[in-house]
Amino acid sequence: MKLPASTKAVTYWIALYGAYVNWATTALAAALGTFALSPITGAGHHGEPWQESLITALFMSVGIATLAMTVLVLWGLRAAASAGGQNKTASSVAGGR
């Protein structure tokens, strides 16, 4: 991945946030018995409105974090691929092959 060090660090922490908050939110949703964003596993259970809102907000933050992390990783991979392709072309021309 070809990203500045600070962007790599941000990508890492976003991925870590997404993984742990997803796990914690799923556990909290099960403990509270909420139905938010999991209608199949939450069938027959309903939490208080504030609990449903909390779980929805947490799951939405995980979704946004995952999307941001994916964009950053793809951006880094694209930059690495284009840099590798340019180097390969330059060496081929210089070598006569």
Protein backbone atom coordinates (compact mmCIF):
# COMPACT_ATOMS: atom_id res chain seq x y z
CA MET A 1 0.00 0.00 0.00
CA LYS A 2 1.37 3.37 -0.95
CA LEU A 3 -0.04 5.85 1.57
CA PRO A 4 1.60 8.50 3.73
CA ALA A 5 2.47 7.21 7.19
CA SER A 6 -0.21 9.32 8.86
CA THR A 7 -2.89 8.03 6.47
CA LYS A 8 -1.77 4.45 7.07
CA ALA A 9 -2.11 5.03 10.81
CA VAL A 10 -5.60 6.50 10.37
CA THR A 11 -6.60 3.53 8.19
CA TYR A 12 -5.30 1.11 10.81
CA TRP A 13 -7.17 2.80 13.66
CA ILE A 14 -10.38 3.04 11.65
CA ALA A 15 -10.17 -0.70 10.90
CA LEU A 16 -9.51 -1.45 14.56
CA TYR A 17 -12.42 0.79 15.63
CA GLY A 18 -14.75 -0.93 13.18
CA ALA A 19 -13.81 -4.42 14.34
CA TYR A 20 -14.10 -3.81 18.07
CA VAL A 21 -17.12 -1.51 18.00
CA ASN A 22 -18.95 -3.98 15.77
CA TRP A 23 -18.25 -6.75 18.25
CA ALA A 24 -19.21 -4.62 21.26
CA THR A 25 -22.36 -3.30 19.58
CA THR A 26 -23.49 -6.79 18.65
CA ALA A 27 -22.94 -7.96 22.23
CA LEU A 28 -24.74 -4.90 23.62
CA ALA A 29 -27.64 -5.41 21.20
CA ALA A 30 -27.99 -9.00 22.38
CA ALA A 31 -27.83 -7.98 26.03
CA LEU A 32 -30.45 -5.25 25.56
CA GLY A 33 -32.63 -7.43 23.35
CA THR A 34 -32.87 -4.84 20.61
CA PHE A 35 -34.34 -5.33 17.18
CA ALA A 36 -32.40 -2.50 15.48
CA LEU A 37 -30.68 -3.46 12.22
CA SER A 38 -31.00 -7.18 12.97
CA PRO A 39 -34.61 -8.16 12.38
CA ILE A 40 -33.84 -11.86 11.94
CA THR A 41 -31.80 -12.34 15.12
CA GLY A 42 -33.93 -9.88 17.07
CA ALA A 43 -37.29 -11.41 16.12
CA GLY A 44 -39.69 -11.19 19.03
CA HIS A 45 -37.47 -8.82 21.02
CA HIS A 46 -37.84 -5.08 21.38
CA GLY A 47 -35.72 -2.74 23.43
CA GLU A 48 -36.63 0.68 24.69
CA PRO A 49 -36.62 3.39 21.99
CA TRP A 50 -33.38 4.90 23.33
CA GLN A 51 -31.73 1.46 23.24
CA GLU A 52 -32.82 0.90 19.65
CA SER A 53 -31.51 4.35 18.71
CA LEU A 54 -28.18 3.75 20.45
CA ILE A 55 -27.63 0.43 18.69
CA THR A 56 -28.62 1.93 15.34
CA ALA A 57 -26.18 4.84 15.81
CA LEU A 58 -23.35 2.48 16.80
CA PHE A 59 -23.96 0.16 13.84
CA MET A 60 -24.14 3.16 11.51
CA SER A 61 -20.79 4.43 12.83
CA VAL A 62 -19.28 1.01 12.14
CA GLY A 63 -20.66 1.09 8.60
CA ILE A 64 -19.24 4.55 7.95
CA ALA A 65 -15.87 3.55 9.43
CA THR A 66 -15.76 0.42 7.27
CA LEU A 67 -16.59 2.41 4.16
CA ALA A 68 -13.89 5.00 4.97
CA MET A 69 -11.32 2.29 5.64
CA THR A 70 -12.17 0.52 2.38
CA VAL A 71 -11.78 3.73 0.38
CA LEU A 72 -8.41 4.45 2.00
CA VAL A 73 -7.11 0.91 1.39
CA LEU A 74 -8.24 0.94 -2.24
CA TRP A 75 -6.68 4.37 -2.70
CA GLY A 76 -3.39 3.06 -1.28
CA LEU A 77 -3.47 -0.06 -3.44
CA ARG A 78 -4.25 1.98 -6.55
CA ALA A 79 -1.31 4.28 -5.87
CA ALA A 80 0.99 1.30 -5.28
CA ALA A 81 -0.16 -0.40 -8.49
CA SER A 82 0.29 2.71 -10.62
CA ALA A 83 3.74 3.38 -9.11
CA GLY A 84 4.77 -0.22 -9.76
CA GLY A 85 3.52 -0.07 -13.34
CA GLN A 86 5.43 3.14 -14.03
CA ASN A 87 8.67 1.69 -12.66
CA LYS A 88 8.26 -1.48 -14.71
CA THR A 89 7.67 0.49 -17.91
CA ALA A 90 10.67 2.74 -17.29
CA SER A 91 12.98 -0.21 -16.65
CA SER A 92 11.71 -2.04 -19.73
CA VAL A 93 12.41 0.98 -21.95
CA ALA A 94 15.84 1.49 -20.39
CA GLY A 95 16.74 -2.17 -20.79
CA GLY A 96 15.56 -2.38 -24.37
CA ARG A 97 13.05 -5.13 -23.66
